[in-house]
Amino acid sequence: MALDPEEFVTLTDHGSMKLRAAVLRAMTLLPKERKRTTIVREGEPAILHFEQIKNLAAQWEVQGSARGPFDTSNVSDPC
């Protein structure tokens, strides 16, 4: 899934922001909040759930394109 980190999206209950910021914010939420976290975007896929957000954060970390700490090693799916 190749997504543009500069794309404007909506993070559920947090408003509109760039995808990079939405992913970073989602990764810092408490586990209970993560369960219902989604990112809504114009393109496909239109909705990213937490597992997809977590995978995207890990992908950006590996590619070296993330601006913040995206350590997903201790993050589990709250479902």
PDB file of N, CA and C in Angstrom:
ATOM      1  N   MET A   1       0.855  -1.166   0.000  1.00  0.00           N
ATOM      2  CA  MET A   1       0.000   0.000   0.000  1.00  0.00           C
ATOM      3  C   MET A   1       0.905   1.233   0.000  1.00  0.00           C
ATOM      4  N   ALA A   2       1.027   1.894  -1.114  1.00  0.00           N
ATOM      5  CA  ALA A   2       1.846   3.103  -1.238  1.00  0.00           C
ATOM      6  C   ALA A   2       0.956   4.331  -1.092  1.00  0.00           C
ATOM      7  N   LEU A   3       1.077   4.999   0.027  1.00  0.00           N
ATOM      8  CA  LEU A   3       0.257   6.179   0.298  1.00  0.00           C
ATOM      9  C   LEU A   3       1.152   7.396   0.463  1.00  0.00           C
ATOM     10  N   ASP A   4       0.621   8.552   0.108  1.00  0.00           N
ATOM     11  CA  ASP A   4       1.356   9.814   0.212  1.00  0.00           C
ATOM     12  C   ASP A   4       1.244  10.355   1.633  1.00  0.00           C
ATOM     13  N   PRO A   5       2.340  10.455   2.373  1.00  0.00           N
ATOM     14  CA  PRO A   5       2.281  10.953   3.745  1.00  0.00           C
ATOM     15  C   PRO A   5       1.819  12.407   3.843  1.00  0.00           C
ATOM     16  N   GLU A   6       1.827  13.133   2.722  1.00  0.00           N
ATOM     17  CA  GLU A   6       1.405  14.536   2.719  1.00  0.00           C
ATOM     18  C   GLU A   6      -0.075  14.709   2.361  1.00  0.00           C
ATOM     19  N   GLU A   7      -0.764  13.614   2.073  1.00  0.00           N
ATOM     20  CA  GLU A   7      -2.193  13.648   1.734  1.00  0.00           C
ATOM     21  C   GLU A   7      -3.003  14.113   2.950  1.00  0.00           C
ATOM     22  N   PHE A   8      -4.009  14.961   2.718  1.00  0.00           N
ATOM     23  CA  PHE A   8      -4.880  15.379   3.809  1.00  0.00           C
ATOM     24  C   PHE A   8      -5.953  14.327   4.038  1.00  0.00           C
ATOM     25  N   VAL A   9      -6.118  13.947   5.308  1.00  0.00           N
ATOM     26  CA  VAL A   9      -7.057  12.905   5.707  1.00  0.00           C
ATOM     27  C   VAL A   9      -7.795  13.371   6.959  1.00  0.00           C
ATOM     28  N   THR A  10      -8.749  12.565   7.402  1.00  0.00           N
ATOM     29  CA  THR A  10      -9.444  12.834   8.656  1.00  0.00           C
ATOM     30  C   THR A  10      -9.205  11.672   9.605  1.00  0.00           C
ATOM     31  N   LEU A  11      -8.686  11.979  10.777  1.00  0.00           N
ATOM     32  CA  LEU A  11      -8.513  10.986  11.828  1.00  0.00           C
ATOM     33  C   LEU A  11      -9.745  11.062  12.719  1.00  0.00           C
ATOM     34  N   THR A  12     -10.436   9.952  12.875  1.00  0.00           N
ATOM     35  CA  THR A  12     -11.669   9.914  13.657  1.00  0.00           C
ATOM     36  C   THR A  12     -11.479  10.575  15.021  1.00  0.00           C
ATOM     37  N   ASP A  13     -12.369  11.502  15.344  1.00  0.00           N
ATOM     38  CA  ASP A  13     -12.378  12.235  16.620  1.00  0.00           C
ATOM     39  C   ASP A  13     -11.185  13.173  16.823  1.00  0.00           C
ATOM     40  N   HIS A  14     -10.371  13.384  15.773  1.00  0.00           N
ATOM     41  CA  HIS A  14      -9.210  14.265  15.908  1.00  0.00           C
ATOM     42  C   HIS A  14      -9.100  15.291  14.794  1.00  0.00           C
ATOM     43  N   GLY A  15      -9.961  15.215  13.785  1.00  0.00           N
ATOM     44  CA  GLY A  15      -9.981  16.222  12.734  1.00  0.00           C
ATOM     45  C   GLY A  15      -9.104  15.921  11.533  1.00  0.00           C
ATOM     46  N   SER A  16      -8.964  16.945  10.687  1.00  0.00           N
ATOM     47  CA  SER A  16      -8.206  16.816   9.440  1.00  0.00           C
ATOM     48  C   SER A  16      -6.740  17.164   9.659  1.00  0.00           C
ATOM     49  N   MET A  17      -5.885  16.420   8.972  1.00  0.00           N
ATOM     50  CA  MET A  17      -4.440  16.622   9.063  1.00  0.00           C
ATOM     51  C   MET A  17      -3.777  15.811   7.965  1.00  0.00           C
ATOM     52  N   LYS A  18      -2.480  15.975   7.824  1.00  0.00           N
ATOM     53  CA  LYS A  18      -1.747  15.170   6.851  1.00  0.00           C
ATOM     54  C   LYS A  18      -1.676  13.727   7.349  1.00  0.00           C
ATOM     55  N   LEU A  19      -1.607  12.812   6.408  1.00  0.00           N
ATOM     56  CA  LEU A  19      -1.584  11.389   6.746  1.00  0.00           C
ATOM     57  C   LEU A  19      -0.454  11.057   7.712  1.00  0.00           C
ATOM     58  N   ARG A  20       0.717  11.621   7.502  1.00  0.00           N
ATOM     59  CA  ARG A  20       1.859  11.369   8.389  1.00  0.00           C
ATOM     60  C   ARG A  20       1.503  11.727   9.838  1.00  0.00           C
ATOM     61  N   ALA A  21       0.873  12.880  10.032  1.00  0.00           N
ATOM     62  CA  ALA A  21       0.490  13.319  11.376  1.00  0.00           C
ATOM     63  C   ALA A  21      -0.604  12.426  11.954  1.00  0.00           C
ATOM     64  N   ALA A  22      -1.540  12.010  11.112  1.00  0.00           N
ATOM     65  CA  ALA A  22      -2.626  11.142  11.573  1.00  0.00           C
ATOM     66  C   ALA A  22      -2.085   9.793  12.041  1.00  0.00           C
ATOM     67  N   VAL A  23      -1.139   9.245  11.306  1.00  0.00           N
ATOM     68  CA  VAL A  23      -0.532   7.967  11.692  1.00  0.00           C
ATOM     69  C   VAL A  23       0.214   8.129  13.013  1.00  0.00           C
ATOM     70  N   LEU A  24       0.999   9.180  13.134  1.00  0.00           N
ATOM     71  CA  LEU A  24       1.740   9.414  14.372  1.00  0.00           C
ATOM     72  C   LEU A  24       0.791   9.575  15.558  1.00  0.00           C
ATOM     73  N   ARG A  25      -0.256  10.359  15.385  1.00  0.00           N
ATOM     74  CA  ARG A  25      -1.209  10.561  16.480  1.00  0.00           C
ATOM     75  C   ARG A  25      -1.909   9.256  16.840  1.00  0.00           C
ATOM     76  N   ALA A  26      -2.318   8.486  15.850  1.00  0.00           N
ATOM     77  CA  ALA A  26      -2.988   7.211  16.117  1.00  0.00           C
ATOM     78  C   ALA A  26      -2.087   6.268  16.908  1.00  0.00           C
ATOM     79  N   MET A  27      -0.797   6.289  16.601  1.00  0.00           N
ATOM     80  CA  MET A  27       0.139   5.405  17.292  1.00  0.00           C
ATOM     81  C   MET A  27       0.338   5.806  18.752  1.00  0.00           C
ATOM     82  N   THR A  28       0.000   7.031  19.107  1.00  0.00           N
ATOM     83  CA  THR A  28       0.193   7.488  20.486  1.00  0.00           C
ATOM     84  C   THR A  28      -1.074   7.385  21.334  1.00  0.00           C
ATOM     85  N   LEU A  29      -2.174   6.957  20.741  1.00  0.00           N
ATOM     86  CA  LEU A  29      -3.429   6.848  21.481  1.00  0.00           C
ATOM     87  C   LEU A  29      -3.387   5.684  22.465  1.00  0.00           C
ATOM     88  N   LEU A  30      -4.218   5.783  23.483  1.00  0.00           N
ATOM     89  CA  LEU A  30      -4.349   4.688  24.436  1.00  0.00           C
ATOM     90  C   LEU A  30      -4.990   3.488  23.743  1.00  0.00           C
ATOM     91  N   PRO A  31      -4.702   2.281  24.212  1.00  0.00           N
ATOM     92  CA  PRO A  31      -5.234   1.077  23.556  1.00  0.00           C
ATOM     93  C   PRO A  31      -6.747   1.098  23.339  1.00  0.00           C
ATOM     94  N   LYS A  32      -7.497   1.590  24.296  1.00  0.00           N
ATOM     95  CA  LYS A  32      -8.957   1.625  24.149  1.00  0.00           C
ATOM     96  C   LYS A  32      -9.371   2.539  22.991  1.00  0.00           C
ATOM     97  N   GLU A  33      -8.668   3.659  22.834  1.00  0.00           N
ATOM     98  CA  GLU A  33      -8.967   4.586  21.742  1.00  0.00           C
ATOM     99  C   GLU A  33      -8.553   4.010  20.393  1.00  0.00           C
ATOM    100  N   ARG A  34      -7.462   3.261  20.375  1.00  0.00           N
ATOM    101  CA  ARG A  34      -6.977   2.674  19.122  1.00  0.00           C
ATOM    102  C   ARG A  34      -8.012   1.755  18.489  1.00  0.00           C
ATOM    103  N   LYS A  35      -8.774   1.078  19.329  1.00  0.00           N
ATOM    104  CA  LYS A  35      -9.750   0.103  18.835  1.00  0.00           C
ATOM    105  C   LYS A  35     -10.730   0.737  17.853  1.00  0.00           C
ATOM    106  N   ARG A  36     -11.100   1.982  18.101  1.00  0.00           N
ATOM    107  CA  ARG A  36     -12.089   2.632  17.234  1.00  0.00           C
ATOM    108  C   ARG A  36     -11.472   3.673  16.289  1.00  0.00           C
ATOM    109  N   THR A  37     -10.160   3.748  16.265  1.00  0.00           N
ATOM    110  CA  THR A  37      -9.477   4.725  15.422  1.00  0.00           C
ATOM    111  C   THR A  37      -9.525   4.336  13.953  1.00  0.00           C
ATOM    112  N   THR A  38      -9.891   5.305  13.116  1.00  0.00           N
ATOM    113  CA  THR A  38      -9.846   5.116  11.671  1.00  0.00           C
ATOM    114  C   THR A  38      -9.342   6.393  11.024  1.00  0.00           C
ATOM    115  N   ILE A  39      -8.724   6.217   9.880  1.00  0.00           N
ATOM    116  CA  ILE A  39      -8.327   7.346   9.049  1.00  0.00           C
ATOM    117  C   ILE A  39      -9.185   7.278   7.800  1.00  0.00           C
ATOM    118  N   VAL A  40      -9.853   8.384   7.486  1.00  0.00           N
ATOM    119  CA  VAL A  40     -10.707   8.453   6.306  1.00  0.00           C
ATOM    120  C   VAL A  40      -9.989   9.296   5.266  1.00  0.00           C
ATOM    121  N   ARG A  41      -9.919   8.757   4.035  1.00  0.00           N
ATOM    122  CA  ARG A  41      -9.217   9.446   2.958  1.00  0.00           C
ATOM    123  C   ARG A  41     -10.041   9.390   1.681  1.00  0.00           C
ATOM    124  N   GLU A  42      -9.648  10.188   0.700  1.00  0.00           N
ATOM    125  CA  GLU A  42     -10.351  10.251  -0.581  1.00  0.00           C
ATOM    126  C   GLU A  42     -10.055   9.035  -1.459  1.00  0.00           C
ATOM    127  N   GLY A  43      -8.831   8.544  -1.430  1.00  0.00           N
ATOM    128  CA  GLY A  43      -8.422   7.459  -2.317  1.00  0.00           C
ATOM    129  C   GLY A  43      -8.803   6.084  -1.800  1.00  0.00           C
ATOM    130  N   GLU A  44      -8.230   5.073  -2.435  1.00  0.00           N
ATOM    131  CA  GLU A  44      -8.446   3.691  -2.024  1.00  0.00           C
ATOM    132  C   GLU A  44      -7.203   3.187  -1.303  1.00  0.00           C
ATOM    133  N   PRO A  45      -7.311   2.500  -0.208  1.00  0.00           N
ATOM    134  CA  PRO A  45      -8.541   2.268   0.525  1.00  0.00           C
ATOM    135  C   PRO A  45      -9.018   3.557   1.190  1.00  0.00           C
ATOM    136  N   ALA A  46     -10.321   3.730   1.229  1.00  0.00           N
ATOM    137  CA  ALA A  46     -10.907   4.959   1.762  1.00  0.00           C
ATOM    138  C   ALA A  46     -10.829   5.020   3.282  1.00  0.00           C
ATOM    139  N   ILE A  47     -10.837   3.878   3.929  1.00  0.00           N
ATOM    140  CA  ILE A  47     -10.794   3.832   5.392  1.00  0.00           C
ATOM    141  C   ILE A  47      -9.643   2.935   5.827  1.00  0.00           C
ATOM    142  N   LEU A  48      -8.813   3.473   6.709  1.00  0.00           N
ATOM    143  CA  LEU A  48      -7.710   2.707   7.286  1.00  0.00           C
ATOM    144  C   LEU A  48      -8.032   2.453   8.754  1.00  0.00           C
ATOM    145  N   HIS A  49      -8.071   1.194   9.151  1.00  0.00           N
ATOM    146  CA  HIS A  49      -8.299   0.833  10.543  1.00  0.00           C
ATOM    147  C   HIS A  49      -6.949   0.712  11.244  1.00  0.00           C
ATOM    148  N   PHE A  50      -6.970   0.524  12.566  1.00  0.00           N
ATOM    149  CA  PHE A  50      -5.725   0.589  13.320  1.00  0.00           C
ATOM    150  C   PHE A  50      -4.668  -0.389  12.826  1.00  0.00           C
ATOM    151  N   GLU A  51      -5.040  -1.602  12.499  1.00  0.00           N
ATOM    152  CA  GLU A  51      -4.038  -2.573  12.037  1.00  0.00           C
ATOM    153  C   GLU A  51      -3.341  -2.062  10.776  1.00  0.00           C
ATOM    154  N   GLN A  52      -4.084  -1.439   9.876  1.00  0.00           N
ATOM    155  CA  GLN A  52      -3.496  -0.869   8.660  1.00  0.00           C
ATOM    156  C   GLN A  52      -2.620   0.336   8.995  1.00  0.00           C
ATOM    157  N   ILE A  53      -3.070   1.137   9.957  1.00  0.00           N
ATOM    158  CA  ILE A  53      -2.294   2.305  10.394  1.00  0.00           C
ATOM    159  C   ILE A  53      -0.964   1.840  10.986  1.00  0.00           C
ATOM    160  N   LYS A  54      -1.023   0.816  11.821  1.00  0.00           N
ATOM    161  CA  LYS A  54       0.183   0.265  12.441  1.00  0.00           C
ATOM    162  C   LYS A  54       1.146  -0.267  11.376  1.00  0.00           C
ATOM    163  N   ASN A  55       0.619  -0.957  10.388  1.00  0.00           N
ATOM    164  CA  ASN A  55       1.459  -1.479   9.305  1.00  0.00           C
ATOM    165  C   ASN A  55       2.091  -0.349   8.497  1.00  0.00           C
ATOM    166  N   LEU A  56       1.330   0.702   8.272  1.00  0.00           N
ATOM    167  CA  LEU A  56       1.842   1.852   7.531  1.00  0.00           C
ATOM    168  C   LEU A  56       2.974   2.530   8.308  1.00  0.00           C
ATOM    169  N   ALA A  57       2.792   2.680   9.607  1.00  0.00           N
ATOM    170  CA  ALA A  57       3.835   3.280  10.448  1.00  0.00           C
ATOM    171  C   ALA A  57       5.112   2.451  10.383  1.00  0.00           C
ATOM    172  N   ALA A  58       4.975   1.140  10.449  1.00  0.00           N
ATOM    173  CA  ALA A  58       6.142   0.260  10.375  1.00  0.00           C
ATOM    174  C   ALA A  58       6.807   0.358   9.004  1.00  0.00           C
ATOM    175  N   GLN A  59       6.012   0.432   7.956  1.00  0.00           N
ATOM    176  CA  GLN A  59       6.547   0.546   6.592  1.00  0.00           C
ATOM    177  C   GLN A  59       7.346   1.836   6.441  1.00  0.00           C
ATOM    178  N   TRP A  60       6.815   2.937   6.936  1.00  0.00           N
ATOM    179  CA  TRP A  60       7.516   4.221   6.830  1.00  0.00           C
ATOM    180  C   TRP A  60       8.800   4.211   7.636  1.00  0.00           C
ATOM    181  N   GLU A  61       8.776   3.545   8.781  1.00  0.00           N
ATOM    182  CA  GLU A  61       9.978   3.465   9.610  1.00  0.00           C
ATOM    183  C   GLU A  61      11.078   2.709   8.870  1.00  0.00           C
ATOM    184  N   VAL A  62      10.734   1.615   8.230  1.00  0.00           N
ATOM    185  CA  VAL A  62      11.704   0.819   7.482  1.00  0.00           C
ATOM    186  C   VAL A  62      12.249   1.608   6.302  1.00  0.00           C
ATOM    187  N   GLN A  63      11.393   2.349   5.616  1.00  0.00           N
ATOM    188  CA  GLN A  63      11.813   3.129   4.461  1.00  0.00           C
ATOM    189  C   GLN A  63      12.595   4.372   4.857  1.00  0.00           C
ATOM    190  N   GLY A  64      12.553   4.728   6.130  1.00  0.00           N
ATOM    191  CA  GLY A  64      13.276   5.903   6.594  1.00  0.00           C
ATOM    192  C   GLY A  64      12.609   7.210   6.233  1.00  0.00           C
ATOM    193  N   SER A  65      11.311   7.162   5.899  1.00  0.00           N
ATOM    194  CA  SER A  65      10.629   8.392   5.509  1.00  0.00           C
ATOM    195  C   SER A  65       9.774   8.972   6.627  1.00  0.00           C
ATOM    196  N   ALA A  66       9.760   8.334   7.781  1.00  0.00           N
ATOM    197  CA  ALA A  66       8.956   8.839   8.889  1.00  0.00           C
ATOM    198  C   ALA A  66       9.722   9.936   9.619  1.00  0.00           C
ATOM    199  N   ARG A  67       9.013  10.940  10.086  1.00  0.00           N
ATOM    200  CA  ARG A  67       9.652  12.044  10.813  1.00  0.00           C
ATOM    201  C   ARG A  67       9.649  11.823  12.312  1.00  0.00           C
ATOM    202  N   GLY A  68       8.920  10.855  12.763  1.00  0.00           N
ATOM    203  CA  GLY A  68       8.820  10.656  14.198  1.00  0.00           C
ATOM    204  C   GLY A  68       9.081   9.212  14.570  1.00  0.00           C
ATOM    205  N   PRO A  69       9.063   8.929  15.868  1.00  0.00           N
ATOM    206  CA  PRO A  69       9.290   7.560  16.315  1.00  0.00           C
ATOM    207  C   PRO A  69       8.057   6.704  16.029  1.00  0.00           C
ATOM    208  N   PHE A  70       8.223   5.678  15.238  1.00  0.00           N
ATOM    209  CA  PHE A  70       7.118   4.783  14.910  1.00  0.00           C
ATOM    210  C   PHE A  70       7.466   3.376  15.366  1.00  0.00           C
ATOM    211  N   ASP A  71       7.858   3.215  16.604  1.00  0.00           N
ATOM    212  CA  ASP A  71       8.216   1.895  17.104  1.00  0.00           C
ATOM    213  C   ASP A  71       6.942   1.116  17.368  1.00  0.00           C
ATOM    214  N   THR A  72       6.654   0.147  16.521  1.00  0.00           N
ATOM    215  CA  THR A  72       5.428  -0.635  16.655  1.00  0.00           C
ATOM    216  C   THR A  72       5.688  -1.993  17.286  1.00  0.00           C
ATOM    217  N   SER A  73       6.886  -2.227  17.773  1.00  0.00           N
ATOM    218  CA  SER A  73       7.234  -3.542  18.294  1.00  0.00           C
ATOM    219  C   SER A  73       6.438  -3.921  19.540  1.00  0.00           C
ATOM    220  N   ASN A  74       6.012  -2.950  20.314  1.00  0.00           N
ATOM    221  CA  ASN A  74       5.267  -3.263  21.530  1.00  0.00           C
ATOM    222  C   ASN A  74       3.797  -2.876  21.426  1.00  0.00           C
ATOM    223  N   VAL A  75       3.299  -2.660  20.221  1.00  0.00           N
ATOM    224  CA  VAL A  75       1.910  -2.261  20.021  1.00  0.00           C
ATOM    225  C   VAL A  75       1.136  -3.450  19.492  1.00  0.00           C
ATOM    226  N   SER A  76       0.075  -3.803  20.203  1.00  0.00           N
ATOM    227  CA  SER A  76      -0.760  -4.902  19.736  1.00  0.00           C
ATOM    228  C   SER A  76      -2.114  -4.367  19.310  1.00  0.00           C
ATOM    229  N   ASP A  77      -2.806  -5.147  18.516  1.00  0.00           N
ATOM    230  CA  ASP A  77      -4.138  -4.774  18.059  1.00  0.00           C
ATOM    231  C   ASP A  77      -5.075  -4.863  19.252  1.00  0.00           C
ATOM    232  N   PRO A  78      -5.791  -3.797  19.601  1.00  0.00           N
ATOM    233  CA  PRO A  78      -6.639  -3.792  20.788  1.00  0.00           C
ATOM    234  C   PRO A  78      -7.918  -4.600  20.636  1.00  0.00           C
ATOM    235  N   CYS A  79      -8.183  -5.146  19.500  1.00  0.00           N
ATOM    236  CA  CYS A  79      -9.432  -5.896  19.272  1.00  0.00           C
ATOM    237  C   CYS A  79      -9.457  -7.185  20.023  1.00  0.00           C
TER     238      CYS A  79
END
